[in-house]
Amino acid sequence: MKRTDPSVETGGEDGGVECPYCGSTDTVREHPKGPSLCRSMHYCNGCEQPFERFG
């Protein structure tokens, strides 16, 4: 039985998450995976800062 590699899953929110710097929800997910499987990389269009989202 072939098992799927969990690192290729890209579920989760694509955008609209709250920026930890300015509180804006004008954000986009730049990459579904960050340094680990529970983190994703996002970018805030409001304050132009990248940030990691845990979840």
Protein backbone atom coordinates (compact mmCIF):
# COMPACT_ATOMS: atom_id res chain seq x y z
CA MET A 1 0.00 0.00 0.00
CA LYS A 2 1.48 3.33 -1.10
CA ARG A 3 1.45 6.07 1.53
CA THR A 4 1.22 9.75 0.67
CA ASP A 5 4.02 12.01 1.87
CA PRO A 6 2.38 14.47 4.34
CA SER A 7 4.77 17.25 3.27
CA VAL A 8 2.99 17.58 -0.09
CA GLU A 9 -0.38 18.41 1.47
CA THR A 10 -1.26 22.07 0.96
CA GLY A 11 -4.45 22.40 2.96
CA GLY A 12 -5.21 25.40 5.13
CA GLU A 13 -6.10 29.02 4.65
CA ASP A 14 -4.76 30.68 1.52
CA GLY A 15 -5.23 34.26 2.64
CA GLY A 16 -7.14 36.57 4.90
CA VAL A 17 -5.37 35.54 8.10
CA GLU A 18 -4.56 38.31 10.56
CA CYS A 19 -1.11 39.88 10.36
CA PRO A 20 0.69 39.72 13.73
CA TYR A 21 2.36 43.09 13.04
CA CYS A 22 -0.47 45.41 11.98
CA GLY A 23 -3.65 43.34 12.39
CA SER A 24 -4.62 43.58 8.71
CA THR A 25 -6.37 40.65 7.02
CA ASP A 26 -5.14 41.77 3.59
CA THR A 27 -2.68 38.87 3.54
CA VAL A 28 -1.75 36.09 1.12
CA ARG A 29 -0.16 32.72 1.69
CA GLU A 30 3.14 32.77 -0.18
CA HIS A 31 4.03 29.15 0.42
CA PRO A 32 1.97 26.37 2.01
CA LYS A 33 4.91 25.05 3.98
CA GLY A 34 7.31 26.86 6.23
CA PRO A 35 10.28 25.39 8.11
CA SER A 36 8.01 22.62 9.45
CA LEU A 37 4.69 21.06 8.44
CA CYS A 38 2.68 23.02 11.03
CA ARG A 39 3.81 26.45 9.71
CA SER A 40 3.04 28.31 6.51
CA MET A 41 4.55 31.48 5.07
CA HIS A 42 2.29 34.51 4.53
CA TYR A 43 2.77 38.09 3.35
CA CYS A 44 0.88 41.17 4.56
CA ASN A 45 -0.08 43.66 1.87
CA GLY A 46 -0.89 46.25 4.56
CA CYS A 47 2.52 46.58 6.21
CA GLU A 48 4.49 44.62 3.59
CA GLN A 49 5.91 42.16 6.12
CA PRO A 50 6.32 38.39 5.72
CA PHE A 51 5.22 36.22 8.65
CA GLU A 52 4.74 32.59 9.63
CA ARG A 53 1.37 31.16 10.58
CA PHE A 54 1.16 28.20 12.95
CA GLY A 55 -1.59 25.70 12.55
